[in-house]
Amino acid sequence: MRKIMFAAVAAVALAAAGAASAQMPAPADIIKNWDKNGDGAVDKAEWTAAGRPAERFDAVDANKDGKVTAAELEAAMAAMRQRGG
């Protein structure tokens, strides 16, 4: 009985995790939404205007060029998923 309950709980948890990730917009779509000047990337002003913490921008801007691209955002999101966040 315990094995069946554990399996059921695990199945529900996996289904919920899959549904949550399916609802997360793609990094390119996020960048497109936040990119108000249309240059294909998000600068710190656009980032903070979108309600994101400035210190998070510095962590996501991997090459430190003052802009976050879809590739940088994807890499940051992948790293967060690996950490369980």
PDB file of N, CA and C in Angstrom:
ATOM      1  N   MET A   1       0.826  -1.200   0.000  1.00  0.00           N
ATOM      2  CA  MET A   1       0.000   0.000   0.000  1.00  0.00           C
ATOM      3  C   MET A   1       0.868   1.261   0.000  1.00  0.00           C
ATOM      4  N   ARG A   2       1.951   1.248   0.786  1.00  0.00           N
ATOM      5  CA  ARG A   2       2.839   2.408   0.826  1.00  0.00           C
ATOM      6  C   ARG A   2       3.475   2.666  -0.534  1.00  0.00           C
ATOM      7  N   LYS A   3       3.850   1.583  -1.222  1.00  0.00           N
ATOM      8  CA  LYS A   3       4.453   1.734  -2.544  1.00  0.00           C
ATOM      9  C   LYS A   3       3.476   2.371  -3.521  1.00  0.00           C
ATOM     10  N   ILE A   4       2.229   1.975  -3.440  1.00  0.00           N
ATOM     11  CA  ILE A   4       1.218   2.537  -4.330  1.00  0.00           C
ATOM     12  C   ILE A   4       1.018   4.018  -4.029  1.00  0.00           C
ATOM     13  N   MET A   5       0.943   4.372  -2.748  1.00  0.00           N
ATOM     14  CA  MET A   5       0.777   5.775  -2.364  1.00  0.00           C
ATOM     15  C   MET A   5       1.977   6.604  -2.814  1.00  0.00           C
ATOM     16  N   PHE A   6       3.187   6.075  -2.610  1.00  0.00           N
ATOM     17  CA  PHE A   6       4.389   6.789  -3.021  1.00  0.00           C
ATOM     18  C   PHE A   6       4.395   7.000  -4.528  1.00  0.00           C
ATOM     19  N   ALA A   7       4.025   5.968  -5.265  1.00  0.00           N
ATOM     20  CA  ALA A   7       3.991   6.069  -6.720  1.00  0.00           C
ATOM     21  C   ALA A   7       2.954   7.101  -7.164  1.00  0.00           C
ATOM     22  N   ALA A   8       1.809   7.118  -6.508  1.00  0.00           N
ATOM     23  CA  ALA A   8       0.763   8.081  -6.858  1.00  0.00           C
ATOM     24  C   ALA A   8       1.220   9.507  -6.571  1.00  0.00           C
ATOM     25  N   VAL A   9       1.834   9.712  -5.424  1.00  0.00           N
ATOM     26  CA  VAL A   9       2.326  11.048  -5.067  1.00  0.00           C
ATOM     27  C   VAL A   9       3.418  11.476  -6.049  1.00  0.00           C
ATOM     28  N   ALA A  10       4.312  10.578  -6.380  1.00  0.00           N
ATOM     29  CA  ALA A  10       5.384  10.890  -7.329  1.00  0.00           C
ATOM     30  C   ALA A  10       4.806  11.247  -8.695  1.00  0.00           C
ATOM     31  N   ALA A  11       3.800  10.516  -9.138  1.00  0.00           N
ATOM     32  CA  ALA A  11       3.177  10.788 -10.433  1.00  0.00           C
ATOM     33  C   ALA A  11       2.515  12.161 -10.449  1.00  0.00           C
ATOM     34  N   VAL A  12       1.845  12.504  -9.364  1.00  0.00           N
ATOM     35  CA  VAL A  12       1.195  13.816  -9.280  1.00  0.00           C
ATOM     36  C   VAL A  12       2.250  14.919  -9.275  1.00  0.00           C
ATOM     37  N   ALA A  13       3.337  14.727  -8.535  1.00  0.00           N
ATOM     38  CA  ALA A  13       4.404  15.730  -8.477  1.00  0.00           C
ATOM     39  C   ALA A  13       5.038  15.926  -9.848  1.00  0.00           C
ATOM     40  N   LEU A  14       5.293  14.849 -10.558  1.00  0.00           N
ATOM     41  CA  LEU A  14       5.878  14.957 -11.891  1.00  0.00           C
ATOM     42  C   LEU A  14       4.922  15.638 -12.869  1.00  0.00           C
ATOM     43  N   ALA A  15       3.664  15.319 -12.775  1.00  0.00           N
ATOM     44  CA  ALA A  15       2.672  15.943 -13.656  1.00  0.00           C
ATOM     45  C   ALA A  15       2.584  17.438 -13.380  1.00  0.00           C
ATOM     46  N   ALA A  16       2.596  17.812 -12.111  1.00  0.00           N
ATOM     47  CA  ALA A  16       2.535  19.233 -11.747  1.00  0.00           C
ATOM     48  C   ALA A  16       3.777  19.964 -12.231  1.00  0.00           C
ATOM     49  N   ALA A  17       4.931  19.352 -12.099  1.00  0.00           N
ATOM     50  CA  ALA A  17       6.174  19.980 -12.559  1.00  0.00           C
ATOM     51  C   ALA A  17       6.153  20.156 -14.071  1.00  0.00           C
ATOM     52  N   GLY A  18       5.648  19.173 -14.778  1.00  0.00           N
ATOM     53  CA  GLY A  18       5.554  19.278 -16.227  1.00  0.00           C
ATOM     54  C   GLY A  18       4.583  20.362 -16.655  1.00  0.00           C
ATOM     55  N   ALA A  19       3.470  20.470 -15.957  1.00  0.00           N
ATOM     56  CA  ALA A  19       2.491  21.506 -16.279  1.00  0.00           C
ATOM     57  C   ALA A  19       3.062  22.887 -15.996  1.00  0.00           C
ATOM     58  N   ALA A  20       3.805  23.034 -14.924  1.00  0.00           N
ATOM     59  CA  ALA A  20       4.393  24.333 -14.590  1.00  0.00           C
ATOM     60  C   ALA A  20       5.416  24.755 -15.633  1.00  0.00           C
ATOM     61  N   SER A  21       6.256  23.825 -16.066  1.00  0.00           N
ATOM     62  CA  SER A  21       7.262  24.190 -17.064  1.00  0.00           C
ATOM     63  C   SER A  21       6.617  24.444 -18.421  1.00  0.00           C
ATOM     64  N   ALA A  22       5.512  23.788 -18.711  1.00  0.00           N
ATOM     65  CA  ALA A  22       4.827  24.006 -19.976  1.00  0.00           C
ATOM     66  C   ALA A  22       4.215  25.400 -20.029  1.00  0.00           C
ATOM     67  N   GLN A  23       3.891  25.980 -18.885  1.00  0.00           N
ATOM     68  CA  GLN A  23       3.280  27.292 -18.838  1.00  0.00           C
ATOM     69  C   GLN A  23       4.309  28.414 -18.825  1.00  0.00           C
ATOM     70  N   MET A  24       5.569  28.104 -18.583  1.00  0.00           N
ATOM     71  CA  MET A  24       6.616  29.116 -18.534  1.00  0.00           C
ATOM     72  C   MET A  24       6.912  29.602 -19.943  1.00  0.00           C
ATOM     73  N   PRO A  25       6.858  30.920 -20.160  1.00  0.00           N
ATOM     74  CA  PRO A  25       7.157  31.415 -21.504  1.00  0.00           C
ATOM     75  C   PRO A  25       8.610  31.165 -21.887  1.00  0.00           C
ATOM     76  N   ALA A  26       8.857  31.044 -23.155  1.00  0.00           N
ATOM     77  CA  ALA A  26      10.211  30.841 -23.661  1.00  0.00           C
ATOM     78  C   ALA A  26      11.033  32.101 -23.409  1.00  0.00           C
ATOM     79  N   PRO A  27      12.345  31.952 -23.165  1.00  0.00           N
ATOM     80  CA  PRO A  27      13.201  33.118 -22.939  1.00  0.00           C
ATOM     81  C   PRO A  27      13.100  34.152 -24.062  1.00  0.00           C
ATOM     82  N   ALA A  28      13.012  33.705 -25.304  1.00  0.00           N
ATOM     83  CA  ALA A  28      12.893  34.651 -26.421  1.00  0.00           C
ATOM     84  C   ALA A  28      11.611  35.470 -26.316  1.00  0.00           C
ATOM     85  N   ASP A  29      10.529  34.841 -25.866  1.00  0.00           N
ATOM     86  CA  ASP A  29       9.265  35.562 -25.698  1.00  0.00           C
ATOM     87  C   ASP A  29       9.345  36.559 -24.547  1.00  0.00           C
ATOM     88  N   ILE A  30      10.041  36.177 -23.479  1.00  0.00           N
ATOM     89  CA  ILE A  30      10.227  37.090 -22.347  1.00  0.00           C
ATOM     90  C   ILE A  30      11.021  38.310 -22.792  1.00  0.00           C
ATOM     91  N   ILE A  31      12.118  38.073 -23.497  1.00  0.00           N
ATOM     92  CA  ILE A  31      12.952  39.172 -23.982  1.00  0.00           C
ATOM     93  C   ILE A  31      12.133  40.080 -24.902  1.00  0.00           C
ATOM     94  N   LYS A  32      11.380  39.491 -25.808  1.00  0.00           N
ATOM     95  CA  LYS A  32      10.563  40.279 -26.739  1.00  0.00           C
ATOM     96  C   LYS A  32       9.566  41.155 -25.976  1.00  0.00           C
ATOM     97  N   ASN A  33       8.992  40.611 -24.925  1.00  0.00           N
ATOM     98  CA  ASN A  33       8.013  41.345 -24.131  1.00  0.00           C
ATOM     99  C   ASN A  33       8.659  42.502 -23.357  1.00  0.00           C
ATOM    100  N   TRP A  34       9.849  42.285 -22.810  1.00  0.00           N
ATOM    101  CA  TRP A  34      10.517  43.302 -21.983  1.00  0.00           C
ATOM    102  C   TRP A  34      11.331  44.294 -22.804  1.00  0.00           C
ATOM    103  N   ASP A  35      11.662  43.962 -24.049  1.00  0.00           N
ATOM    104  CA  ASP A  35      12.530  44.782 -24.899  1.00  0.00           C
ATOM    105  C   ASP A  35      11.736  45.948 -25.482  1.00  0.00           C
ATOM    106  N   LYS A  36      11.712  47.042 -24.776  1.00  0.00           N
ATOM    107  CA  LYS A  36      10.899  48.185 -25.195  1.00  0.00           C
ATOM    108  C   LYS A  36      11.533  49.010 -26.312  1.00  0.00           C
ATOM    109  N   ASN A  37      12.868  48.988 -26.445  1.00  0.00           N
ATOM    110  CA  ASN A  37      13.492  49.780 -27.505  1.00  0.00           C
ATOM    111  C   ASN A  37      13.727  48.966 -28.784  1.00  0.00           C
ATOM    112  N   GLY A  38      13.373  47.684 -28.772  1.00  0.00           N
ATOM    113  CA  GLY A  38      13.406  46.860 -29.970  1.00  0.00           C
ATOM    114  C   GLY A  38      14.779  46.459 -30.472  1.00  0.00           C
ATOM    115  N   ASP A  39      15.789  46.462 -29.586  1.00  0.00           N
ATOM    116  CA  ASP A  39      17.136  46.099 -30.041  1.00  0.00           C
ATOM    117  C   ASP A  39      17.442  44.609 -29.916  1.00  0.00           C
ATOM    118  N   GLY A  40      16.461  43.819 -29.476  1.00  0.00           N
ATOM    119  CA  GLY A  40      16.646  42.373 -29.390  1.00  0.00           C
ATOM    120  C   GLY A  40      17.249  41.890 -28.089  1.00  0.00           C
ATOM    121  N   ALA A  41      17.472  42.794 -27.159  1.00  0.00           N
ATOM    122  CA  ALA A  41      18.017  42.444 -25.853  1.00  0.00           C
ATOM    123  C   ALA A  41      17.369  43.351 -24.813  1.00  0.00           C
ATOM    124  N   VAL A  42      17.581  43.025 -23.544  1.00  0.00           N
ATOM    125  CA  VAL A  42      17.011  43.810 -22.448  1.00  0.00           C
ATOM    126  C   VAL A  42      18.146  44.465 -21.686  1.00  0.00           C
ATOM    127  N   ASP A  43      18.095  45.808 -21.585  1.00  0.00           N
ATOM    128  CA  ASP A  43      19.098  46.498 -20.776  1.00  0.00           C
ATOM    129  C   ASP A  43      18.588  46.605 -19.337  1.00  0.00           C
ATOM    130  N   LYS A  44      19.418  47.147 -18.462  1.00  0.00           N
ATOM    131  CA  LYS A  44      19.065  47.171 -17.039  1.00  0.00           C
ATOM    132  C   LYS A  44      17.804  48.003 -16.784  1.00  0.00           C
ATOM    133  N   ALA A  45      17.626  49.101 -17.508  1.00  0.00           N
ATOM    134  CA  ALA A  45      16.425  49.929 -17.328  1.00  0.00           C
ATOM    135  C   ALA A  45      15.167  49.156 -17.719  1.00  0.00           C
ATOM    136  N   GLU A  46      15.226  48.418 -18.832  1.00  0.00           N
ATOM    137  CA  GLU A  46      14.078  47.615 -19.260  1.00  0.00           C
ATOM    138  C   GLU A  46      13.825  46.489 -18.266  1.00  0.00           C
ATOM    139  N   TRP A  47      14.896  45.905 -17.764  1.00  0.00           N
ATOM    140  CA  TRP A  47      14.804  44.813 -16.793  1.00  0.00           C
ATOM    141  C   TRP A  47      14.076  45.272 -15.532  1.00  0.00           C
ATOM    142  N   THR A  48      14.520  46.395 -14.978  1.00  0.00           N
ATOM    143  CA  THR A  48      13.903  46.883 -13.736  1.00  0.00           C
ATOM    144  C   THR A  48      12.491  47.402 -13.991  1.00  0.00           C
ATOM    145  N   ALA A  49      12.248  47.968 -15.181  1.00  0.00           N
ATOM    146  CA  ALA A  49      10.897  48.412 -15.525  1.00  0.00           C
ATOM    147  C   ALA A  49       9.924  47.236 -15.579  1.00  0.00           C
ATOM    148  N   ALA A  50      10.454  46.045 -15.878  1.00  0.00           N
ATOM    149  CA  ALA A  50       9.626  44.837 -15.909  1.00  0.00           C
ATOM    150  C   ALA A  50       9.408  44.271 -14.505  1.00  0.00           C
ATOM    151  N   GLY A  51       9.957  44.964 -13.503  1.00  0.00           N
ATOM    152  CA  GLY A  51       9.737  44.541 -12.122  1.00  0.00           C
ATOM    153  C   GLY A  51      10.755  43.545 -11.592  1.00  0.00           C
ATOM    154  N   ARG A  52      11.849  43.373 -12.299  1.00  0.00           N
ATOM    155  CA  ARG A  52      12.879  42.426 -11.888  1.00  0.00           C
ATOM    156  C   ARG A  52      13.934  43.146 -11.061  1.00  0.00           C
ATOM    157  N   PRO A  53      14.513  42.487 -10.056  1.00  0.00           N
ATOM    158  CA  PRO A  53      15.550  43.117  -9.230  1.00  0.00           C
ATOM    159  C   PRO A  53      16.830  43.395 -10.024  1.00  0.00           C
ATOM    160  N   ALA A  54      17.400  44.584  -9.823  1.00  0.00           N
ATOM    161  CA  ALA A  54      18.605  44.990 -10.551  1.00  0.00           C
ATOM    162  C   ALA A  54      19.757  44.029 -10.315  1.00  0.00           C
ATOM    163  N   GLU A  55      19.906  43.521  -9.099  1.00  0.00           N
ATOM    164  CA  GLU A  55      21.016  42.614  -8.816  1.00  0.00           C
ATOM    165  C   GLU A  55      20.887  41.295  -9.579  1.00  0.00           C
ATOM    166  N   ARG A  56      19.682  40.898  -9.917  1.00  0.00           N
ATOM    167  CA  ARG A  56      19.470  39.692 -10.707  1.00  0.00           C
ATOM    168  C   ARG A  56      19.954  39.922 -12.147  1.00  0.00           C
ATOM    169  N   PHE A  57      19.785  41.149 -12.646  1.00  0.00           N
ATOM    170  CA  PHE A  57      20.255  41.483 -13.988  1.00  0.00           C
ATOM    171  C   PHE A  57      21.749  41.205 -14.103  1.00  0.00           C
ATOM    172  N   ASP A  58      22.500  41.654 -13.107  1.00  0.00           N
ATOM    173  CA  ASP A  58      23.955  41.483 -13.141  1.00  0.00           C
ATOM    174  C   ASP A  58      24.342  40.002 -13.178  1.00  0.00           C
ATOM    175  N   ALA A  59      23.559  39.157 -12.527  1.00  0.00           N
ATOM    176  CA  ALA A  59      23.849  37.726 -12.523  1.00  0.00           C
ATOM    177  C   ALA A  59      23.506  37.074 -13.873  1.00  0.00           C
ATOM    178  N   VAL A  60      22.481  37.569 -14.532  1.00  0.00           N
ATOM    179  CA  VAL A  60      22.035  36.972 -15.794  1.00  0.00           C
ATOM    180  C   VAL A  60      22.872  37.474 -16.976  1.00  0.00           C
ATOM    181  N   ASP A  61      23.348  38.710 -16.904  1.00  0.00           N
ATOM    182  CA  ASP A  61      24.170  39.291 -17.973  1.00  0.00           C
ATOM    183  C   ASP A  61      25.555  38.650 -17.949  1.00  0.00           C
ATOM    184  N   ALA A  62      25.650  37.477 -18.538  1.00  0.00           N
ATOM    185  CA  ALA A  62      26.859  36.638 -18.430  1.00  0.00           C
ATOM    186  C   ALA A  62      28.103  37.301 -19.010  1.00  0.00           C
ATOM    187  N   ASN A  63      27.977  38.002 -20.127  1.00  0.00           N
ATOM    188  CA  ASN A  63      29.164  38.605 -20.744  1.00  0.00           C
ATOM    189  C   ASN A  63      29.395  40.054 -20.303  1.00  0.00           C
ATOM    190  N   LYS A  64      28.560  40.528 -19.400  1.00  0.00           N
ATOM    191  CA  LYS A  64      28.698  41.859 -18.783  1.00  0.00           C
ATOM    192  C   LYS A  64      28.736  42.990 -19.810  1.00  0.00           C
ATOM    193  N   ASP A  65      27.898  42.860 -20.862  1.00  0.00           N
ATOM    194  CA  ASP A  65      27.839  43.915 -21.866  1.00  0.00           C
ATOM    195  C   ASP A  65      26.697  44.898 -21.621  1.00  0.00           C
ATOM    196  N   GLY A  66      25.998  44.731 -20.491  1.00  0.00           N
ATOM    197  CA  GLY A  66      24.906  45.643 -20.158  1.00  0.00           C
ATOM    198  C   GLY A  66      23.587  45.275 -20.795  1.00  0.00           C
ATOM    199  N   LYS A  67      23.513  44.088 -21.414  1.00  0.00           N
ATOM    200  CA  LYS A  67      22.282  43.625 -22.045  1.00  0.00           C
ATOM    201  C   LYS A  67      22.104  42.145 -21.760  1.00  0.00           C
ATOM    202  N   VAL A  68      20.860  41.739 -21.601  1.00  0.00           N
ATOM    203  CA  VAL A  68      20.530  40.323 -21.433  1.00  0.00           C
ATOM    204  C   VAL A  68      19.865  39.860 -22.714  1.00  0.00           C
ATOM    205  N   THR A  69      20.435  38.836 -23.323  1.00  0.00           N
ATOM    206  CA  THR A  69      19.877  38.241 -24.542  1.00  0.00           C
ATOM    207  C   THR A  69      19.029  37.025 -24.168  1.00  0.00           C
ATOM    208  N   ALA A  70      18.306  36.523 -25.141  1.00  0.00           N
ATOM    209  CA  ALA A  70      17.507  35.319 -24.914  1.00  0.00           C
ATOM    210  C   ALA A  70      18.408  34.150 -24.523  1.00  0.00           C
ATOM    211  N   ALA A  71      19.598  34.061 -25.132  1.00  0.00           N
ATOM    212  CA  ALA A  71      20.525  32.968 -24.809  1.00  0.00           C
ATOM    213  C   ALA A  71      21.007  33.073 -23.361  1.00  0.00           C
ATOM    214  N   GLU A  72      21.313  34.287 -22.912  1.00  0.00           N
ATOM    215  CA  GLU A  72      21.752  34.462 -21.521  1.00  0.00           C
ATOM    216  C   GLU A  72      20.622  34.145 -20.550  1.00  0.00           C
ATOM    217  N   LEU A  73      19.409  34.570 -20.895  1.00  0.00           N
ATOM    218  CA  LEU A  73      18.264  34.284 -20.033  1.00  0.00           C
ATOM    219  C   LEU A  73      17.992  32.780 -19.988  1.00  0.00           C
ATOM    220  N   GLU A  74      18.089  32.109 -21.134  1.00  0.00           N
ATOM    221  CA  GLU A  74      17.894  30.652 -21.176  1.00  0.00           C
ATOM    222  C   GLU A  74      18.923  29.947 -20.306  1.00  0.00           C
ATOM    223  N   ALA A  75      20.174  30.362 -20.389  1.00  0.00           N
ATOM    224  CA  ALA A  75      21.230  29.741 -19.577  1.00  0.00           C
ATOM    225  C   ALA A  75      20.969  29.961 -18.097  1.00  0.00           C
ATOM    226  N   ALA A  76      20.534  31.152 -17.728  1.00  0.00           N
ATOM    227  CA  ALA A  76      20.240  31.440 -16.321  1.00  0.00           C
ATOM    228  C   ALA A  76      19.047  30.622 -15.832  1.00  0.00           C
ATOM    229  N   MET A  77      18.033  30.486 -16.682  1.00  0.00           N
ATOM    230  CA  MET A  77      16.861  29.690 -16.307  1.00  0.00           C
ATOM    231  C   MET A  77      17.225  28.215 -16.172  1.00  0.00           C
ATOM    232  N   ALA A  78      18.066  27.717 -17.060  1.00  0.00           N
ATOM    233  CA  ALA A  78      18.508  26.322 -16.982  1.00  0.00           C
ATOM    234  C   ALA A  78      19.300  26.078 -15.698  1.00  0.00           C
ATOM    235  N   ALA A  79      20.169  27.021 -15.345  1.00  0.00           N
ATOM    236  CA  ALA A  79      20.935  26.885 -14.108  1.00  0.00           C
ATOM    237  C   ALA A  79      20.013  26.891 -12.895  1.00  0.00           C
ATOM    238  N   MET A  80      18.974  27.725 -12.943  1.00  0.00           N
ATOM    239  CA  MET A  80      18.013  27.772 -11.837  1.00  0.00           C
ATOM    240  C   MET A  80      17.248  26.444 -11.721  1.00  0.00           C
ATOM    241  N   ARG A  81      16.861  25.886 -12.878  1.00  0.00           N
ATOM    242  CA  ARG A  81      16.143  24.605 -12.851  1.00  0.00           C
ATOM    243  C   ARG A  81      17.031  23.510 -12.263  1.00  0.00           C
ATOM    244  N   GLN A  82      18.326  23.522 -12.586  1.00  0.00           N
ATOM    245  CA  GLN A  82      19.246  22.517 -12.052  1.00  0.00           C
ATOM    246  C   GLN A  82      19.398  22.637 -10.543  1.00  0.00           C
ATOM    247  N   ARG A  83      19.302  23.878 -10.053  1.00  0.00           N
ATOM    248  CA  ARG A  83      19.399  24.100  -8.598  1.00  0.00           C
ATOM    249  C   ARG A  83      18.086  23.808  -7.904  1.00  0.00           C
ATOM    250  N   GLY A  84      17.051  23.545  -8.674  1.00  0.00           N
ATOM    251  CA  GLY A  84      15.751  23.234  -8.090  1.00  0.00           C
ATOM    252  C   GLY A  84      14.906  24.469  -7.850  1.00  0.00           C
ATOM    253  N   GLY A  85      15.230  25.559  -8.491  1.00  0.00           N
ATOM    254  CA  GLY A  85      14.470  26.794  -8.278  1.00  0.00           C
ATOM    255  C   GLY A  85      13.691  27.124  -9.472  1.00  0.00           C
TER     256      GLY A  85
END
